[in-house]
Amino acid sequence: MSCIDEEIPYDIPDTWTWMRLENCCVKEIRRGKSPKYAEISNVIVFAQKCNTKYNGIDISLAQYLDETTIKRYPTDEHMQDGDIVINSTGTGTLGRVGIYRNTDNTTGLLIVPDSHVTVIRSFSCISSYYLYAFMKAHQTELEKKGEGSTNQKELKPLTLKEMLIAVPPISEQKRINKSINVAFSHLAIIEKCLN
């Protein structure tokens, strides 16, 4: 891993700092696992299609996990409120950034990610909503970082780990979060009007 000083893309305020994404996270940046599905169970699988292009997170698109395989998923891999999800394979969906909220999961069931989704979970001193907003603003760059053949491009966890994040002080993160919450509220109103 190279020195951040050589890669800084632009100037930020003196009170902010550049950090690599892996240093912002409380758990290792990695993809979920290839699931074994079932007709019905008490566990659902978060797949790329759940991180939709226009409607945010849609858990109704999830399938059920065969519960005999749940032991393959350590507890820290169970999705949590505020987890950032990134579609990590395939042309057209690669690099799409979303944020999972418990309110998205109307089933109330345990949920785990599949192998085409990378989960980012930030430390409590870095707002997941701020981190989501920063990554969403750089989604086009993430889409271009896929490796492999045209239809099988992958966004590798190592690429995400090395991503540079401009981190403001907590007070600034809270101010930014308020703007994000207003935006989420407006999106919810628009979705209700469209449905």
N, C-alpha and C. Protein backbone atom coordinates (compact mmCIF):
# COMPACT_ATOMS: atom_id res chain seq x y z
N MET A 1 0.84 -1.17 0.00
CA MET A 1 0.00 0.00 0.00
C MET A 1 0.89 1.24 0.00
N SER A 2 0.59 2.18 -0.86
CA SER A 2 1.43 3.36 -0.98
C SER A 2 1.02 4.45 0.02
N CYS A 3 1.87 5.45 0.14
CA CYS A 3 1.63 6.57 1.04
C CYS A 3 0.46 7.41 0.53
N ILE A 4 -0.44 7.78 1.42
CA ILE A 4 -1.61 8.58 1.05
C ILE A 4 -1.19 9.92 0.45
N ASP A 5 -0.13 10.52 0.99
CA ASP A 5 0.30 11.86 0.53
C ASP A 5 0.50 11.92 -0.98
N GLU A 6 0.92 10.81 -1.58
CA GLU A 6 1.17 10.78 -3.02
C GLU A 6 -0.11 10.67 -3.84
N GLU A 7 -1.22 10.34 -3.17
CA GLU A 7 -2.47 10.07 -3.90
C GLU A 7 -3.59 11.07 -3.64
N ILE A 8 -3.38 12.02 -2.74
CA ILE A 8 -4.45 12.94 -2.37
C ILE A 8 -5.01 13.62 -3.62
N PRO A 9 -6.31 13.43 -3.89
CA PRO A 9 -6.89 13.94 -5.13
C PRO A 9 -7.21 15.43 -5.13
N TYR A 10 -7.49 15.99 -3.95
CA TYR A 10 -7.82 17.41 -3.87
C TYR A 10 -7.66 17.88 -2.43
N ASP A 11 -7.60 19.19 -2.27
CA ASP A 11 -7.44 19.77 -0.94
C ASP A 11 -8.76 19.72 -0.17
N ILE A 12 -8.63 19.51 1.14
CA ILE A 12 -9.79 19.51 2.04
C ILE A 12 -9.49 20.48 3.18
N PRO A 13 -10.49 20.91 3.93
CA PRO A 13 -10.23 21.82 5.06
C PRO A 13 -9.22 21.23 6.04
N ASP A 14 -8.52 22.09 6.74
CA ASP A 14 -7.49 21.65 7.69
C ASP A 14 -8.03 20.74 8.79
N THR A 15 -9.30 20.88 9.13
CA THR A 15 -9.89 20.07 10.20
C THR A 15 -10.32 18.68 9.72
N TRP A 16 -10.27 18.46 8.43
CA TRP A 16 -10.60 17.16 7.85
C TRP A 16 -9.32 16.35 7.71
N THR A 17 -9.48 15.05 7.44
CA THR A 17 -8.31 14.20 7.20
C THR A 17 -8.63 13.16 6.13
N TRP A 18 -7.60 12.77 5.38
CA TRP A 18 -7.75 11.68 4.41
C TRP A 18 -7.45 10.36 5.10
N MET A 19 -8.29 9.37 4.86
CA MET A 19 -8.08 8.03 5.40
C MET A 19 -8.40 7.00 4.33
N ARG A 20 -7.74 5.87 4.41
CA ARG A 20 -8.13 4.76 3.53
C ARG A 20 -9.40 4.14 4.11
N LEU A 21 -10.26 3.66 3.23
CA LEU A 21 -11.54 3.10 3.65
C LEU A 21 -11.35 2.00 4.69
N GLU A 22 -10.36 1.15 4.52
CA GLU A 22 -10.18 0.06 5.47
C GLU A 22 -9.92 0.57 6.89
N ASN A 23 -9.36 1.77 7.03
CA ASN A 23 -9.10 2.34 8.35
C ASN A 23 -10.32 3.04 8.93
N CYS A 24 -11.40 3.10 8.16
CA CYS A 24 -12.66 3.69 8.63
C CYS A 24 -13.63 2.62 9.11
N CYS A 25 -13.25 1.35 8.96
CA CYS A 25 -14.19 0.25 9.15
C CYS A 25 -13.91 -0.58 10.39
N VAL A 26 -15.01 -0.97 11.06
CA VAL A 26 -14.93 -1.76 12.27
C VAL A 26 -14.80 -3.26 11.95
N LYS A 27 -15.18 -3.64 10.75
CA LYS A 27 -15.01 -5.05 10.34
C LYS A 27 -14.31 -5.09 8.99
N GLU A 28 -13.71 -6.22 8.73
CA GLU A 28 -12.98 -6.37 7.46
C GLU A 28 -13.90 -6.17 6.28
N ILE A 29 -13.39 -5.47 5.26
CA ILE A 29 -14.16 -5.26 4.04
C ILE A 29 -14.09 -6.55 3.23
N ARG A 30 -15.23 -7.19 3.08
CA ARG A 30 -15.27 -8.44 2.31
C ARG A 30 -16.68 -8.67 1.78
N ARG A 31 -16.75 -9.56 0.84
CA ARG A 31 -18.04 -9.94 0.26
C ARG A 31 -18.71 -10.97 1.14
N GLY A 32 -20.00 -11.16 0.86
CA GLY A 32 -20.73 -12.22 1.54
C GLY A 32 -20.34 -13.57 0.96
N LYS A 33 -21.17 -14.55 1.18
CA LYS A 33 -20.88 -15.91 0.73
C LYS A 33 -21.91 -16.37 -0.31
N SER A 34 -21.52 -17.37 -1.10
CA SER A 34 -22.46 -17.95 -2.06
C SER A 34 -23.51 -18.72 -1.26
N PRO A 35 -24.76 -18.33 -1.37
CA PRO A 35 -25.80 -18.96 -0.54
C PRO A 35 -26.37 -20.23 -1.13
N LYS A 36 -26.94 -21.03 -0.25
CA LYS A 36 -27.79 -22.15 -0.65
C LYS A 36 -29.20 -21.69 -0.30
N TYR A 37 -30.08 -21.67 -1.28
CA TYR A 37 -31.41 -21.12 -1.07
C TYR A 37 -32.40 -22.17 -0.60
N ALA A 38 -33.49 -21.67 -0.03
CA ALA A 38 -34.59 -22.53 0.43
C ALA A 38 -35.90 -21.89 0.00
N GLU A 39 -36.98 -22.66 0.05
CA GLU A 39 -38.31 -22.13 -0.29
C GLU A 39 -38.74 -21.08 0.73
N ILE A 40 -38.47 -21.37 2.00
CA ILE A 40 -38.81 -20.44 3.07
C ILE A 40 -37.92 -20.74 4.27
N SER A 41 -37.58 -19.69 5.03
CA SER A 41 -36.77 -19.87 6.23
C SER A 41 -36.85 -18.60 7.06
N ASN A 42 -36.07 -18.55 8.12
CA ASN A 42 -36.03 -17.37 8.99
C ASN A 42 -34.84 -16.47 8.69
N VAL A 43 -34.17 -16.73 7.56
CA VAL A 43 -33.01 -15.92 7.16
C VAL A 43 -33.17 -15.58 5.68
N ILE A 44 -32.90 -14.31 5.34
CA ILE A 44 -32.95 -13.92 3.93
C ILE A 44 -31.56 -13.49 3.46
N VAL A 45 -31.39 -13.51 2.14
CA VAL A 45 -30.10 -13.21 1.53
C VAL A 45 -30.20 -11.89 0.77
N PHE A 46 -29.31 -10.96 1.13
CA PHE A 46 -29.23 -9.67 0.43
C PHE A 46 -28.39 -9.88 -0.82
N ALA A 47 -29.01 -9.73 -1.98
CA ALA A 47 -28.33 -9.88 -3.27
C ALA A 47 -28.21 -8.52 -3.95
N GLN A 48 -27.42 -8.45 -5.02
CA GLN A 48 -27.23 -7.20 -5.76
C GLN A 48 -28.54 -6.57 -6.17
N LYS A 49 -29.50 -7.41 -6.58
CA LYS A 49 -30.77 -6.86 -7.06
C LYS A 49 -31.54 -6.13 -5.96
N CYS A 50 -31.20 -6.40 -4.68
CA CYS A 50 -31.84 -5.70 -3.56
C CYS A 50 -31.35 -4.26 -3.46
N ASN A 51 -30.18 -3.98 -4.02
CA ASN A 51 -29.61 -2.63 -4.05
C ASN A 51 -29.98 -2.05 -5.42
N THR A 52 -31.20 -1.53 -5.51
CA THR A 52 -31.75 -1.17 -6.81
C THR A 52 -31.18 0.13 -7.36
N LYS A 53 -31.35 0.33 -8.63
CA LYS A 53 -30.79 1.52 -9.29
C LYS A 53 -31.54 2.78 -8.90
N TYR A 54 -32.87 2.70 -8.79
CA TYR A 54 -33.65 3.91 -8.56
C TYR A 54 -34.39 3.93 -7.22
N ASN A 55 -34.69 2.78 -6.65
CA ASN A 55 -35.54 2.74 -5.46
C ASN A 55 -34.82 2.38 -4.18
N GLY A 56 -33.52 2.59 -4.14
CA GLY A 56 -32.77 2.28 -2.91
C GLY A 56 -32.77 0.80 -2.62
N ILE A 57 -32.88 0.45 -1.35
CA ILE A 57 -32.86 -0.95 -0.93
C ILE A 57 -34.27 -1.53 -1.01
N ASP A 58 -34.40 -2.69 -1.65
CA ASP A 58 -35.69 -3.35 -1.79
C ASP A 58 -35.55 -4.81 -1.33
N ILE A 59 -35.87 -5.05 -0.07
CA ILE A 59 -35.72 -6.38 0.51
C ILE A 59 -36.74 -7.38 -0.05
N SER A 60 -37.80 -6.90 -0.66
CA SER A 60 -38.78 -7.83 -1.24
C SER A 60 -38.16 -8.66 -2.36
N LEU A 61 -36.99 -8.24 -2.87
CA LEU A 61 -36.30 -8.99 -3.93
C LEU A 61 -35.38 -10.08 -3.38
N ALA A 62 -35.26 -10.16 -2.05
CA ALA A 62 -34.37 -11.15 -1.42
C ALA A 62 -35.00 -12.54 -1.47
N GLN A 63 -34.12 -13.54 -1.41
CA GLN A 63 -34.57 -14.93 -1.33
C GLN A 63 -34.22 -15.49 0.05
N TYR A 64 -34.77 -16.65 0.35
CA TYR A 64 -34.53 -17.28 1.65
C TYR A 64 -33.26 -18.12 1.62
N LEU A 65 -32.54 -18.12 2.74
CA LEU A 65 -31.33 -18.93 2.90
C LEU A 65 -31.69 -20.26 3.53
N ASP A 66 -31.07 -21.32 3.05
CA ASP A 66 -31.18 -22.63 3.70
C ASP A 66 -30.54 -22.49 5.08
N GLU A 67 -31.33 -22.60 6.14
CA GLU A 67 -30.84 -22.33 7.50
C GLU A 67 -29.76 -23.31 7.96
N THR A 68 -29.62 -24.44 7.29
CA THR A 68 -28.56 -25.37 7.69
C THR A 68 -27.18 -24.79 7.37
N THR A 69 -27.14 -23.72 6.55
CA THR A 69 -25.85 -23.13 6.17
C THR A 69 -25.54 -21.85 6.95
N ILE A 70 -26.39 -21.45 7.88
CA ILE A 70 -26.19 -20.18 8.58
C ILE A 70 -24.89 -20.18 9.39
N LYS A 71 -24.41 -21.33 9.81
CA LYS A 71 -23.16 -21.38 10.58
C LYS A 71 -21.96 -20.90 9.75
N ARG A 72 -22.10 -20.84 8.43
CA ARG A 72 -21.03 -20.32 7.57
C ARG A 72 -20.89 -18.81 7.69
N TYR A 73 -21.90 -18.16 8.27
CA TYR A 73 -21.91 -16.70 8.40
C TYR A 73 -21.65 -16.31 9.85
N PRO A 74 -20.42 -15.86 10.16
CA PRO A 74 -20.17 -15.38 11.52
C PRO A 74 -21.13 -14.24 11.85
N THR A 75 -21.38 -14.01 13.12
CA THR A 75 -22.33 -12.98 13.55
C THR A 75 -22.02 -11.61 12.96
N ASP A 76 -20.73 -11.27 12.82
CA ASP A 76 -20.40 -9.94 12.28
C ASP A 76 -20.75 -9.81 10.79
N GLU A 77 -21.11 -10.92 10.15
CA GLU A 77 -21.54 -10.86 8.75
C GLU A 77 -23.05 -10.71 8.62
N HIS A 78 -23.78 -10.79 9.72
CA HIS A 78 -25.21 -10.52 9.68
C HIS A 78 -25.36 -9.01 9.46
N MET A 79 -26.19 -8.62 8.52
CA MET A 79 -26.28 -7.20 8.18
C MET A 79 -26.87 -6.40 9.33
N GLN A 80 -26.34 -5.17 9.47
CA GLN A 80 -26.74 -4.27 10.55
C GLN A 80 -27.19 -2.93 9.99
N ASP A 81 -27.99 -2.23 10.79
CA ASP A 81 -28.46 -0.90 10.43
C ASP A 81 -27.26 0.00 10.10
N GLY A 82 -27.30 0.64 8.94
CA GLY A 82 -26.22 1.55 8.55
C GLY A 82 -25.11 0.90 7.74
N ASP A 83 -25.20 -0.40 7.46
CA ASP A 83 -24.20 -1.04 6.61
C ASP A 83 -24.28 -0.46 5.20
N ILE A 84 -23.13 -0.17 4.65
CA ILE A 84 -23.06 0.30 3.26
C ILE A 84 -22.87 -0.94 2.39
N VAL A 85 -23.64 -1.02 1.34
CA VAL A 85 -23.56 -2.18 0.44
C VAL A 85 -23.11 -1.71 -0.94
N ILE A 86 -22.21 -2.49 -1.52
CA ILE A 86 -21.67 -2.15 -2.84
C ILE A 86 -21.79 -3.37 -3.74
N ASN A 87 -22.46 -3.20 -4.87
CA ASN A 87 -22.55 -4.29 -5.83
C ASN A 87 -21.17 -4.50 -6.42
N SER A 88 -20.70 -5.75 -6.39
CA SER A 88 -19.29 -6.01 -6.68
C SER A 88 -19.02 -6.85 -7.91
N THR A 89 -20.05 -7.19 -8.68
CA THR A 89 -19.81 -7.95 -9.91
C THR A 89 -20.77 -7.49 -11.00
N GLY A 90 -20.34 -7.69 -12.23
CA GLY A 90 -21.21 -7.53 -13.38
C GLY A 90 -21.35 -6.13 -13.93
N THR A 91 -21.26 -6.04 -15.24
CA THR A 91 -21.44 -4.78 -15.94
C THR A 91 -22.86 -4.27 -15.73
N GLY A 92 -22.99 -3.00 -15.44
CA GLY A 92 -24.31 -2.40 -15.25
C GLY A 92 -24.70 -2.23 -13.80
N THR A 93 -24.21 -3.12 -12.93
CA THR A 93 -24.52 -2.99 -11.50
C THR A 93 -23.26 -2.78 -10.66
N LEU A 94 -22.12 -3.10 -11.21
CA LEU A 94 -20.84 -2.99 -10.50
C LEU A 94 -20.64 -1.59 -9.94
N GLY A 95 -20.29 -1.49 -8.67
CA GLY A 95 -19.97 -0.20 -8.05
C GLY A 95 -21.16 0.53 -7.47
N ARG A 96 -22.38 0.02 -7.66
CA ARG A 96 -23.55 0.69 -7.12
C ARG A 96 -23.49 0.69 -5.60
N VAL A 97 -23.67 1.88 -5.01
CA VAL A 97 -23.55 2.06 -3.56
C VAL A 97 -24.94 2.28 -2.96
N GLY A 98 -25.23 1.57 -1.88
CA GLY A 98 -26.49 1.75 -1.16
C GLY A 98 -26.23 1.71 0.34
N ILE A 99 -27.23 2.04 1.11
CA ILE A 99 -27.11 1.93 2.57
C ILE A 99 -28.32 1.16 3.09
N TYR A 100 -28.01 0.13 3.87
CA TYR A 100 -29.05 -0.73 4.43
C TYR A 100 -29.49 -0.16 5.78
N ARG A 101 -30.80 -0.02 5.94
CA ARG A 101 -31.36 0.41 7.22
C ARG A 101 -32.33 -0.65 7.70
N ASN A 102 -32.39 -0.85 9.00
CA ASN A 102 -33.30 -1.86 9.54
C ASN A 102 -34.72 -1.65 9.06
N THR A 103 -35.11 -0.39 8.83
CA THR A 103 -36.47 -0.11 8.36
C THR A 103 -36.71 -0.65 6.95
N ASP A 104 -35.63 -0.94 6.20
CA ASP A 104 -35.78 -1.55 4.86
C ASP A 104 -36.26 -2.99 4.97
N ASN A 105 -35.94 -3.63 6.09
CA ASN A 105 -36.24 -5.05 6.26
C ASN A 105 -37.58 -5.22 6.96
N THR A 106 -38.65 -5.12 6.21
CA THR A 106 -39.99 -5.22 6.78
C THR A 106 -40.33 -6.64 7.22
N THR A 107 -39.52 -7.62 6.82
CA THR A 107 -39.76 -9.01 7.23
C THR A 107 -39.34 -9.23 8.68
N GLY A 108 -38.37 -8.43 9.15
CA GLY A 108 -37.85 -8.62 10.51
C GLY A 108 -36.94 -9.83 10.63
N LEU A 109 -36.66 -10.50 9.51
CA LEU A 109 -35.82 -11.69 9.54
C LEU A 109 -34.34 -11.32 9.52
N LEU A 110 -33.52 -12.23 10.00
CA LEU A 110 -32.08 -12.08 9.91
C LEU A 110 -31.71 -11.99 8.44
N ILE A 111 -30.70 -11.17 8.13
CA ILE A 111 -30.32 -11.00 6.73
C ILE A 111 -28.80 -11.06 6.59
N VAL A 112 -28.34 -11.79 5.56
CA VAL A 112 -26.91 -11.94 5.29
C VAL A 112 -26.65 -11.59 3.82
N PRO A 113 -25.42 -11.10 3.49
CA PRO A 113 -25.13 -10.73 2.10
C PRO A 113 -24.66 -11.92 1.28
N ASP A 114 -24.94 -11.88 -0.02
CA ASP A 114 -24.41 -12.93 -0.89
C ASP A 114 -23.03 -12.52 -1.42
N SER A 115 -22.45 -13.38 -2.24
CA SER A 115 -21.05 -13.20 -2.66
C SER A 115 -20.86 -12.10 -3.70
N HIS A 116 -21.93 -11.48 -4.16
CA HIS A 116 -21.81 -10.41 -5.15
C HIS A 116 -21.94 -9.02 -4.51
N VAL A 117 -22.01 -9.01 -3.18
CA VAL A 117 -22.18 -7.76 -2.43
C VAL A 117 -21.05 -7.61 -1.42
N THR A 118 -20.45 -6.43 -1.38
CA THR A 118 -19.44 -6.11 -0.37
C THR A 118 -20.10 -5.22 0.67
N VAL A 119 -19.85 -5.54 1.94
CA VAL A 119 -20.45 -4.78 3.04
C VAL A 119 -19.37 -3.94 3.72
N ILE A 120 -19.68 -2.66 3.94
CA ILE A 120 -18.79 -1.73 4.62
C ILE A 120 -19.49 -1.32 5.92
N ARG A 121 -18.80 -1.50 7.05
CA ARG A 121 -19.37 -1.10 8.35
C ARG A 121 -18.37 -0.18 9.04
N SER A 122 -18.77 1.07 9.22
CA SER A 122 -17.84 2.07 9.75
C SER A 122 -17.74 2.04 11.27
N PHE A 123 -16.62 2.58 11.77
CA PHE A 123 -16.48 2.80 13.20
C PHE A 123 -17.54 3.80 13.64
N SER A 124 -17.89 3.80 14.93
CA SER A 124 -18.93 4.70 15.43
C SER A 124 -18.52 6.17 15.32
N CYS A 125 -17.21 6.45 15.26
CA CYS A 125 -16.75 7.84 15.15
C CYS A 125 -16.82 8.36 13.71
N ILE A 126 -17.20 7.49 12.79
CA ILE A 126 -17.40 7.91 11.39
C ILE A 126 -18.83 7.54 11.01
N SER A 127 -19.64 8.52 10.77
CA SER A 127 -21.04 8.30 10.46
C SER A 127 -21.20 7.44 9.21
N SER A 128 -22.01 6.39 9.32
CA SER A 128 -22.25 5.54 8.15
C SER A 128 -22.98 6.33 7.06
N TYR A 129 -23.83 7.29 7.46
CA TYR A 129 -24.54 8.10 6.46
C TYR A 129 -23.57 9.03 5.72
N TYR A 130 -22.61 9.57 6.46
CA TYR A 130 -21.61 10.40 5.79
C TYR A 130 -20.78 9.54 4.83
N LEU A 131 -20.32 8.39 5.32
CA LEU A 131 -19.49 7.51 4.50
C LEU A 131 -20.26 7.07 3.25
N TYR A 132 -21.54 6.75 3.44
CA TYR A 132 -22.39 6.39 2.29
C TYR A 132 -22.44 7.54 1.28
N ALA A 133 -22.69 8.77 1.78
CA ALA A 133 -22.80 9.93 0.89
C ALA A 133 -21.50 10.16 0.13
N PHE A 134 -20.37 10.01 0.82
CA PHE A 134 -19.07 10.21 0.16
C PHE A 134 -18.87 9.15 -0.92
N MET A 135 -19.16 7.89 -0.59
CA MET A 135 -18.95 6.81 -1.56
C MET A 135 -19.94 6.92 -2.72
N LYS A 136 -21.17 7.32 -2.42
CA LYS A 136 -22.18 7.48 -3.48
C LYS A 136 -21.74 8.58 -4.45
N ALA A 137 -21.14 9.65 -3.91
CA ALA A 137 -20.65 10.74 -4.75
C ALA A 137 -19.51 10.28 -5.66
N HIS A 138 -18.83 9.20 -5.26
CA HIS A 138 -17.71 8.66 -6.05
C HIS A 138 -18.06 7.34 -6.73
N GLN A 139 -19.37 7.07 -6.85
CA GLN A 139 -19.83 5.81 -7.43
C GLN A 139 -19.33 5.62 -8.86
N THR A 140 -19.32 6.67 -9.67
CA THR A 140 -18.86 6.56 -11.06
C THR A 140 -17.41 6.07 -11.11
N GLU A 141 -16.58 6.56 -10.18
CA GLU A 141 -15.19 6.11 -10.13
C GLU A 141 -15.11 4.64 -9.75
N LEU A 142 -15.96 4.22 -8.80
CA LEU A 142 -15.97 2.81 -8.38
C LEU A 142 -16.38 1.92 -9.55
N GLU A 143 -17.35 2.37 -10.32
CA GLU A 143 -17.82 1.59 -11.47
C GLU A 143 -16.69 1.33 -12.47
N LYS A 144 -15.76 2.26 -12.56
CA LYS A 144 -14.64 2.13 -13.51
C LYS A 144 -13.50 1.26 -12.99
N LYS A 145 -13.54 0.90 -11.72
CA LYS A 145 -12.43 0.16 -11.12
C LYS A 145 -12.61 -1.35 -11.18
N GLY A 146 -13.63 -1.80 -11.88
CA GLY A 146 -13.84 -3.23 -12.03
C GLY A 146 -12.73 -3.87 -12.85
N GLU A 147 -12.39 -5.09 -12.49
CA GLU A 147 -11.35 -5.83 -13.21
C GLU A 147 -11.94 -7.10 -13.79
N GLY A 148 -11.40 -7.53 -14.92
CA GLY A 148 -11.86 -8.76 -15.54
C GLY A 148 -12.48 -8.50 -16.90
N SER A 149 -13.06 -9.55 -17.48
CA SER A 149 -13.66 -9.45 -18.81
C SER A 149 -14.94 -8.63 -18.74
N THR A 150 -15.40 -8.19 -19.88
CA THR A 150 -16.51 -7.24 -19.97
C THR A 150 -17.71 -7.60 -19.11
N ASN A 151 -18.26 -8.81 -19.25
CA ASN A 151 -19.47 -9.16 -18.51
C ASN A 151 -19.20 -9.76 -17.13
N GLN A 152 -17.93 -10.01 -16.82
CA GLN A 152 -17.60 -10.61 -15.52
C GLN A 152 -16.71 -9.70 -14.68
N LYS A 153 -16.83 -8.39 -14.86
CA LYS A 153 -16.00 -7.47 -14.09
C LYS A 153 -16.31 -7.59 -12.61
N GLU A 154 -15.25 -7.44 -11.80
CA GLU A 154 -15.39 -7.52 -10.35
C GLU A 154 -14.73 -6.31 -9.69
N LEU A 155 -15.37 -5.82 -8.65
CA LEU A 155 -14.79 -4.77 -7.83
C LEU A 155 -14.25 -5.48 -6.59
N LYS A 156 -12.95 -5.62 -6.53
CA LYS A 156 -12.32 -6.42 -5.49
C LYS A 156 -12.29 -5.68 -4.15
N PRO A 157 -12.41 -6.43 -3.05
CA PRO A 157 -12.32 -5.82 -1.72
C PRO A 157 -11.04 -5.00 -1.54
N LEU A 158 -9.92 -5.46 -2.09
CA LEU A 158 -8.66 -4.71 -1.95
C LEU A 158 -8.77 -3.32 -2.57
N THR A 159 -9.45 -3.22 -3.71
CA THR A 159 -9.65 -1.93 -4.36
C THR A 159 -10.43 -0.99 -3.44
N LEU A 160 -11.47 -1.54 -2.80
CA LEU A 160 -12.27 -0.73 -1.88
C LEU A 160 -11.46 -0.35 -0.64
N LYS A 161 -10.69 -1.28 -0.11
CA LYS A 161 -9.87 -1.00 1.08
C LYS A 161 -8.95 0.18 0.87
N GLU A 162 -8.43 0.33 -0.35
CA GLU A 162 -7.46 1.38 -0.65
C GLU A 162 -8.10 2.72 -1.01
N MET A 163 -9.42 2.74 -1.15
CA MET A 163 -10.11 3.98 -1.52
C MET A 163 -9.83 5.07 -0.47
N LEU A 164 -9.57 6.28 -0.94
CA LEU A 164 -9.34 7.41 -0.04
C LEU A 164 -10.67 8.08 0.32
N ILE A 165 -10.85 8.32 1.62
CA ILE A 165 -12.06 8.95 2.14
C ILE A 165 -11.67 10.24 2.84
N ALA A 166 -12.33 11.33 2.50
CA ALA A 166 -12.12 12.61 3.19
C ALA A 166 -13.04 12.62 4.40
N VAL A 167 -12.45 12.60 5.60
CA VAL A 167 -13.24 12.47 6.83
C VAL A 167 -13.27 13.81 7.58
N PRO A 168 -14.46 14.40 7.73
CA PRO A 168 -14.59 15.65 8.49
C PRO A 168 -14.74 15.37 9.99
N PRO A 169 -14.64 16.40 10.82
CA PRO A 169 -14.90 16.22 12.24
C PRO A 169 -16.35 15.77 12.46
N ILE A 170 -16.62 15.16 13.61
CA ILE A 170 -17.95 14.64 13.92
C ILE A 170 -19.03 15.71 13.76
N SER A 171 -18.75 16.94 14.22
CA SER A 171 -19.76 18.00 14.13
C SER A 171 -20.17 18.26 12.67
N GLU A 172 -19.20 18.21 11.78
CA GLU A 172 -19.49 18.41 10.35
C GLU A 172 -20.23 17.21 9.78
N GLN A 173 -19.86 16.01 10.23
CA GLN A 173 -20.57 14.81 9.79
C GLN A 173 -22.05 14.89 10.17
N LYS A 174 -22.32 15.38 11.39
CA LYS A 174 -23.71 15.50 11.84
C LYS A 174 -24.49 16.49 10.99
N ARG A 175 -23.85 17.59 10.60
CA ARG A 175 -24.50 18.58 9.75
C ARG A 175 -24.82 17.96 8.38
N ILE A 176 -23.86 17.22 7.86
CA ILE A 176 -24.06 16.54 6.57
C ILE A 176 -25.18 15.50 6.69
N ASN A 177 -25.20 14.77 7.82
CA ASN A 177 -26.24 13.75 8.04
C ASN A 177 -27.64 14.34 7.99
N LYS A 178 -27.80 15.55 8.54
CA LYS A 178 -29.13 16.20 8.51
C LYS A 178 -29.58 16.40 7.07
N SER A 179 -28.66 16.82 6.22
CA SER A 179 -28.99 17.01 4.80
C SER A 179 -29.35 15.69 4.14
N ILE A 180 -28.64 14.64 4.51
CA ILE A 180 -28.92 13.31 3.94
C ILE A 180 -30.29 12.84 4.38
N ASN A 181 -30.63 13.03 5.67
CA ASN A 181 -31.94 12.62 6.18
C ASN A 181 -33.07 13.35 5.47
N VAL A 182 -32.88 14.64 5.19
CA VAL A 182 -33.88 15.42 4.45
C VAL A 182 -34.04 14.83 3.05
N ALA A 183 -32.91 14.50 2.42
CA ALA A 183 -32.96 13.91 1.08
C ALA A 183 -33.70 12.58 1.09
N PHE A 184 -33.43 11.72 2.10
CA PHE A 184 -34.13 10.43 2.22
C PHE A 184 -35.64 10.67 2.38
N SER A 185 -36.02 11.66 3.17
CA SER A 185 -37.44 11.97 3.39
C SER A 185 -38.10 12.39 2.09
N HIS A 186 -37.41 13.24 1.31
CA HIS A 186 -37.96 13.67 0.03
C HIS A 186 -38.10 12.51 -0.95
N LEU A 187 -37.10 11.60 -0.94
CA LEU A 187 -37.19 10.42 -1.82
C LEU A 187 -38.38 9.55 -1.45
N ALA A 188 -38.62 9.37 -0.15
CA ALA A 188 -39.76 8.56 0.30
C ALA A 188 -41.07 9.16 -0.16
N ILE A 189 -41.19 10.48 -0.09
CA ILE A 189 -42.42 11.16 -0.54
C ILE A 189 -42.59 10.97 -2.04
N ILE A 190 -41.52 11.12 -2.81
CA ILE A 190 -41.59 10.95 -4.26
C ILE A 190 -41.99 9.52 -4.61
N GLU A 191 -41.39 8.53 -3.91
CA GLU A 191 -41.74 7.13 -4.19
C GLU A 191 -43.21 6.85 -3.93
N LYS A 192 -43.76 7.42 -2.84
CA LYS A 192 -45.18 7.23 -2.53
C LYS A 192 -46.06 7.82 -3.63
N CYS A 193 -45.66 8.97 -4.15
CA CYS A 193 -46.41 9.61 -5.22
C CYS A 193 -46.38 8.80 -6.51
N LEU A 194 -45.25 8.13 -6.76
CA LEU A 194 -45.10 7.35 -7.99
C LEU A 194 -45.82 6.02 -7.93
N ASN A 195 -46.02 5.50 -6.71
CA ASN A 195 -46.64 4.16 -6.57
C ASN A 195 -48.15 4.22 -6.50
